[in-house]
Amino acid sequence: MRTSSRIAWLAILAISPLFSHGAEQLAVNPTPHLAKGGIAHANNAFEDKTGVKVSMPKKSGGCGATVLGLKTGKLDAGMMCCPPNKEEMGDLGLVASGIAKEGIVVTVHESNPITNLSTEQLRNIYQGRITNWKQVGGRDAPMSVYGYIMCANREEPARQYLVGVRDYKQGIVGIDNGKLAKSVIRVKPGAEIAKNIAADPNGIGFEATVYLPVEGAKVIQLDGITASRETVADGTYPAIRHLYVVTKGYPSGRTKEYIDFLRSPEGQDLLETEGKLVKL
């Protein structure tokens, strides 16, 4: 092959979409939560569609790992189950794009006769003003309250719901972690809460639907409403949180394509059917 022809052929290869797609990767931290939420199926579909491989760590980190990875440039994007705080948005320029939502539900032991709690009752339980099941119409037994402080410096939705500072006109205006009762048994967020409740007839927890069901624990109503795709989608269920893909700066290029895919009808269907999440 003549030199000029060889150079021209190499140039064609260099700009060929098929060639470049095969070589491209996006480094993404899914967080343990989204790793269970159908993200792998969506990633595979995105790769089939674009040729761009979504590379995820073998063991995903939480929201903090996303922030650190974006700060150090090791990640193109990362998932978070709470939005970045003001400092992270301002100093680091992080931008959060919503991709799905879900309900946060109350779980009790399957033998517990209670089937419903109000928001006010739940807040009183986690803030230590209600300590016995008979105070909410159940049997005479002390409550074992399971919870956690996750993302203490961010507006994490479960704590916002349980110990959020409320203003009559503005709604929730902040979180006071000090209001969480000292008697709350601290466990890791996720399936660990339901597993503890399944072994504790007096247990109660508040957690995301993606980690359920767990045998021995049951979900009860909140304010008389059952958490379902329909009630989360239309906002009638009272405790909902959004899930985000976070980038440093506004997403562009392949990262934007990836986020757009997750927000597309195909991506939303995968997150819902494979991951127990609810469409935006």
Protein backbone atom coordinates (compact mmCIF):
# COMPACT_ATOMS: atom_id res chain seq x y z
CA MET A 1 0.00 0.00 0.00
CA ARG A 2 1.41 3.40 -0.96
CA THR A 3 2.27 5.74 1.91
CA SER A 4 -0.33 8.36 0.91
CA SER A 5 -3.09 5.73 0.71
CA ARG A 6 -2.07 4.25 4.05
CA ILE A 7 -2.23 7.68 5.74
CA ALA A 8 -5.66 8.33 4.26
CA TRP A 9 -6.91 4.93 5.48
CA LEU A 10 -5.64 5.57 9.01
CA ALA A 11 -7.34 8.97 8.99
CA ILE A 12 -10.66 7.34 8.06
CA LEU A 13 -10.28 4.86 10.91
CA ALA A 14 -9.49 7.65 13.35
CA ILE A 15 -12.71 9.53 12.61
CA SER A 16 -14.95 6.50 12.10
CA PRO A 17 -17.87 6.51 14.60
CA LEU A 18 -17.75 2.72 14.89
CA PHE A 19 -14.06 2.80 15.72
CA SER A 20 -14.36 5.62 18.27
CA HIS A 21 -17.48 4.18 19.92
CA GLY A 22 -15.75 0.88 20.56
CA ALA A 23 -12.92 2.67 22.35
CA GLU A 24 -15.08 4.98 24.45
CA GLN A 25 -15.95 4.47 28.10
CA LEU A 26 -17.83 6.41 30.75
CA ALA A 27 -16.70 5.98 34.35
CA VAL A 28 -19.82 5.98 36.54
CA ASN A 29 -20.39 5.29 40.24
CA PRO A 30 -23.91 3.86 40.66
CA THR A 31 -24.01 3.96 44.51
CA PRO A 32 -25.14 0.71 46.20
CA HIS A 33 -28.73 1.93 45.94
CA LEU A 34 -28.80 2.39 42.16
CA ALA A 35 -26.66 -0.71 41.66
CA LYS A 36 -29.82 -2.57 42.77
CA GLY A 37 -32.05 -0.26 40.79
CA GLY A 38 -31.85 -1.62 37.27
CA ILE A 39 -28.88 0.54 36.28
CA ALA A 40 -26.87 -2.40 34.90
CA HIS A 41 -29.68 -3.27 32.47
CA ALA A 42 -29.90 0.36 31.38
CA ASN A 43 -26.12 0.53 30.97
CA ASN A 44 -26.13 -2.55 28.73
CA ALA A 45 -28.89 -1.08 26.60
CA PHE A 46 -26.98 2.21 26.30
CA GLU A 47 -23.84 0.34 25.21
CA ASP A 48 -25.81 -1.64 22.61
CA LYS A 49 -27.27 1.60 21.31
CA THR A 50 -24.10 3.73 21.20
CA GLY A 51 -21.10 1.44 21.51
CA VAL A 52 -20.03 3.39 24.61
CA LYS A 53 -19.23 1.16 27.60
CA VAL A 54 -20.34 2.31 31.03
CA SER A 55 -17.60 1.26 33.44
CA MET A 56 -18.65 0.84 37.09
CA PRO A 57 -16.52 -0.13 40.11
CA LYS A 58 -16.83 -3.70 41.40
CA LYS A 59 -17.94 -2.29 44.74
CA SER A 60 -19.84 0.96 44.38
CA GLY A 61 -19.52 3.73 46.94
CA GLY A 62 -22.20 6.02 48.32
CA CYS A 63 -22.98 9.65 47.54
CA GLY A 64 -19.65 10.73 49.05
CA ALA A 65 -17.77 8.48 46.60
CA THR A 66 -19.59 10.17 43.72
CA VAL A 67 -18.58 13.62 44.95
CA LEU A 68 -14.96 12.58 45.51
CA GLY A 69 -14.73 10.86 42.12
CA LEU A 70 -16.05 13.94 40.33
CA LYS A 71 -13.77 16.22 42.33
CA THR A 72 -10.66 14.19 41.43
CA GLY A 73 -11.69 13.64 37.83
CA LYS A 74 -11.88 9.85 38.20
CA LEU A 75 -15.58 9.80 37.32
CA ASP A 76 -17.52 11.15 34.37
CA ALA A 77 -20.74 10.86 36.38
CA GLY A 78 -22.09 9.35 39.55
CA MET A 79 -25.45 8.55 41.08
CA MET A 80 -26.78 10.07 44.29
CA CYS A 81 -29.96 9.45 46.29
CA CYS A 82 -29.91 13.01 47.65
CA PRO A 83 -28.98 16.22 45.87
CA PRO A 84 -25.51 17.78 46.31
CA ASN A 85 -25.38 20.48 48.99
CA LYS A 86 -24.86 24.18 48.27
CA GLU A 87 -21.09 24.00 48.74
CA GLU A 88 -20.77 21.05 46.35
CA MET A 89 -22.88 22.83 43.75
CA GLY A 90 -21.09 26.14 44.25
CA ASP A 91 -17.45 25.25 44.92
CA LEU A 92 -17.24 22.11 42.79
CA GLY A 93 -19.85 23.05 40.21
CA LEU A 94 -21.77 19.80 40.59
CA VAL A 95 -25.01 19.49 38.62
CA ALA A 96 -27.73 16.95 39.46
CA SER A 97 -30.05 15.50 36.80
CA GLY A 98 -33.08 13.55 38.03
CA ILE A 99 -33.49 10.07 36.53
CA ALA A 100 -36.15 8.36 38.68
CA LYS A 101 -38.03 8.47 41.97
CA GLU A 102 -39.24 6.06 44.63
CA GLY A 103 -41.19 5.82 47.84
CA ILE A 104 -39.66 5.65 51.30
CA VAL A 105 -41.74 3.22 53.32
CA VAL A 106 -42.44 2.22 56.92
CA THR A 107 -41.65 -1.41 57.73
CA VAL A 108 -42.57 -3.40 60.83
CA HIS A 109 -42.35 -7.05 61.85
CA GLU A 110 -44.87 -9.26 60.07
CA SER A 111 -46.51 -10.14 63.40
CA ASN A 112 -47.19 -6.50 64.26
CA PRO A 113 -50.94 -5.73 64.06
CA ILE A 114 -50.31 -2.09 63.09
CA THR A 115 -51.19 -1.39 59.44
CA ASN A 116 -50.90 2.40 59.24
CA LEU A 117 -49.08 5.33 60.85
CA SER A 118 -49.47 9.05 60.27
CA THR A 119 -46.59 11.33 59.36
CA GLU A 120 -46.89 12.98 62.76
CA GLN A 121 -46.76 9.65 64.56
CA LEU A 122 -43.68 8.60 62.59
CA ARG A 123 -41.90 11.87 63.39
CA ASN A 124 -42.77 11.45 67.07
CA ILE A 125 -41.42 7.90 67.04
CA TYR A 126 -38.07 8.92 65.55
CA GLN A 127 -37.82 11.99 67.74
CA GLY A 128 -38.44 9.94 70.89
CA ARG A 129 -41.88 11.15 71.95
CA ILE A 130 -43.57 7.84 71.15
CA THR A 131 -41.72 4.82 72.54
CA ASN A 132 -44.37 2.11 73.04
CA TRP A 133 -46.59 0.46 70.44
CA LYS A 134 -49.68 0.97 72.61
CA GLN A 135 -49.33 4.74 72.01
CA VAL A 136 -50.29 4.15 68.38
CA GLY A 137 -52.94 1.50 69.00
CA GLY A 138 -50.71 -1.57 69.09
CA ARG A 139 -49.68 -4.02 71.77
CA ASP A 140 -48.02 -2.97 75.01
CA ALA A 141 -44.37 -3.34 74.01
CA PRO A 142 -41.40 -0.98 73.71
CA MET A 143 -40.47 0.04 70.18
CA SER A 144 -37.15 -0.87 68.60
CA VAL A 145 -36.59 2.03 66.21
CA TYR A 146 -34.05 1.45 63.44
CA GLY A 147 -32.54 4.27 61.44
CA TYR A 148 -29.37 5.98 60.27
CA ILE A 149 -27.79 9.32 59.48
CA MET A 150 -26.82 9.10 55.84
CA CYS A 151 -25.27 12.07 54.03
CA ALA A 152 -25.42 14.15 57.20
CA ASN A 153 -24.43 17.35 55.37
CA ARG A 154 -26.99 16.97 52.58
CA GLU A 155 -30.77 17.28 52.36
CA GLU A 156 -31.27 13.52 52.54
CA PRO A 157 -35.01 12.89 52.04
CA ALA A 158 -35.64 10.29 54.78
CA ARG A 159 -34.13 12.50 57.50
CA GLN A 160 -35.81 15.50 55.93
CA TYR A 161 -39.10 13.71 56.46
CA LEU A 162 -38.34 12.48 60.00
CA VAL A 163 -36.40 15.38 61.56
CA GLY A 164 -36.87 18.16 59.03
CA VAL A 165 -37.38 21.64 60.46
CA ARG A 166 -40.77 22.82 59.30
CA ASP A 167 -41.96 26.33 58.68
CA TYR A 168 -45.68 27.07 58.52
CA LYS A 169 -45.40 28.96 55.22
CA GLN A 170 -42.23 27.58 53.62
CA GLY A 171 -42.52 23.89 54.51
CA ILE A 172 -39.28 22.06 55.37
CA VAL A 173 -36.45 24.57 55.67
CA GLY A 174 -33.64 22.34 56.96
CA ILE A 175 -32.70 19.20 58.84
CA ASP A 176 -31.88 19.02 62.55
CA ASN A 177 -29.98 15.75 63.09
CA GLY A 178 -30.04 16.49 66.81
CA LYS A 179 -33.77 15.75 66.84
CA LEU A 180 -33.17 12.09 66.00
CA ALA A 181 -33.72 10.29 69.32
CA LYS A 182 -30.66 8.78 71.00
CA SER A 183 -32.64 5.57 71.34
CA VAL A 184 -32.73 5.08 67.55
CA ILE A 185 -30.67 1.98 66.73
CA ARG A 186 -28.16 3.04 64.06
CA VAL A 187 -27.74 0.56 61.22
CA LYS A 188 -26.46 0.87 57.69
CA PRO A 189 -29.04 2.21 55.23
CA GLY A 190 -30.63 -0.29 52.91
CA ALA A 191 -31.64 -3.90 53.40
CA GLU A 192 -29.98 -4.04 56.85
CA ILE A 193 -32.93 -2.13 58.33
CA ALA A 194 -35.53 -4.61 57.07
CA LYS A 195 -33.34 -7.57 58.07
CA ASN A 196 -33.17 -6.27 61.64
CA ILE A 197 -36.91 -5.71 61.72
CA ALA A 198 -37.56 -9.22 60.38
CA ALA A 199 -35.76 -10.54 63.47
CA ASP A 200 -37.36 -8.11 65.93
CA PRO A 201 -41.14 -8.30 66.68
CA ASN A 202 -41.02 -4.76 68.08
CA GLY A 203 -38.99 -3.24 65.26
CA ILE A 204 -39.84 -0.33 62.97
CA GLY A 205 -37.85 1.19 60.13
CA PHE A 206 -38.06 3.73 57.32
CA GLU A 207 -36.35 2.82 54.06
CA ALA A 208 -36.43 2.80 50.27
CA THR A 209 -38.62 0.37 48.37
CA VAL A 210 -35.71 -0.86 46.23
CA TYR A 211 -34.44 -2.97 49.16
CA LEU A 212 -37.75 -4.75 49.69
CA PRO A 213 -39.34 -7.21 50.16
CA VAL A 214 -37.49 -8.92 53.01
CA GLU A 215 -39.10 -12.02 54.46
CA GLY A 216 -40.42 -11.38 57.97
CA ALA A 217 -40.86 -7.61 57.51
CA LYS A 218 -44.00 -5.96 56.14
CA VAL A 219 -44.68 -2.54 54.69
CA ILE A 220 -47.51 -0.52 56.25
CA GLN A 221 -49.42 2.50 55.03
CA LEU A 222 -48.35 6.07 55.70
CA ASP A 223 -51.16 8.57 56.23
CA GLY A 224 -53.53 5.85 55.05
CA ILE A 225 -51.82 5.54 51.65
CA THR A 226 -50.01 2.50 50.29
CA ALA A 227 -46.74 3.11 48.49
CA SER A 228 -47.12 1.95 44.88
CA ARG A 229 -45.87 3.02 41.48
CA GLU A 230 -49.14 4.87 40.97
CA THR A 231 -49.15 6.76 44.29
CA VAL A 232 -45.44 7.63 43.99
CA ALA A 233 -45.88 8.71 40.37
CA ASP A 234 -48.82 11.00 41.08
CA GLY A 235 -47.40 12.32 44.36
CA THR A 236 -50.24 11.14 46.61
CA TYR A 237 -47.87 8.99 48.68
CA PRO A 238 -46.32 11.42 51.19
CA ALA A 239 -42.67 10.24 51.35
CA ILE A 240 -40.93 10.33 47.98
CA ARG A 241 -37.34 10.88 46.95
CA HIS A 242 -35.69 11.52 43.60
CA LEU A 243 -32.57 9.79 42.34
CA TYR A 244 -29.92 11.69 40.42
CA VAL A 245 -27.01 11.41 38.02
CA VAL A 246 -24.47 14.05 39.08
CA THR A 247 -21.76 15.60 36.89
CA LYS A 248 -19.08 18.24 37.34
CA GLY A 249 -20.50 21.07 35.30
CA TYR A 250 -23.42 20.71 32.95
CA PRO A 251 -23.32 17.35 31.17
CA SER A 252 -22.08 17.30 27.60
CA GLY A 253 -20.98 14.84 24.94
CA ARG A 254 -21.32 11.17 25.77
CA THR A 255 -22.20 11.91 29.39
CA LYS A 256 -25.18 13.96 28.27
CA GLU A 257 -26.17 11.17 25.86
CA TYR A 258 -26.07 8.73 28.77
CA ILE A 259 -28.27 10.90 30.99
CA ASP A 260 -30.64 11.59 28.10
CA PHE A 261 -30.92 7.83 27.55
CA LEU A 262 -31.75 7.18 31.22
CA ARG A 263 -34.46 9.83 30.97
CA SER A 264 -35.80 8.49 27.66
CA PRO A 265 -38.85 6.18 27.49
CA GLU A 266 -36.56 3.15 26.97
CA GLY A 267 -34.30 4.05 29.89
CA GLN A 268 -37.23 4.88 32.16
CA ASP A 269 -38.88 1.54 31.35
CA LEU A 270 -35.69 -0.33 32.29
CA LEU A 271 -35.29 1.54 35.57
CA GLU A 272 -38.92 0.81 36.42
CA THR A 273 -39.23 -2.82 35.31
CA GLU A 274 -35.75 -4.00 36.32
CA GLY A 275 -35.09 -1.73 39.28
CA LYS A 276 -38.35 -1.19 41.19
CA LEU A 277 -38.00 2.54 40.59
CA VAL A 278 -40.68 4.93 39.36
CA LYS A 279 -40.53 7.01 36.20
CA LEU A 280 -40.07 10.75 36.45
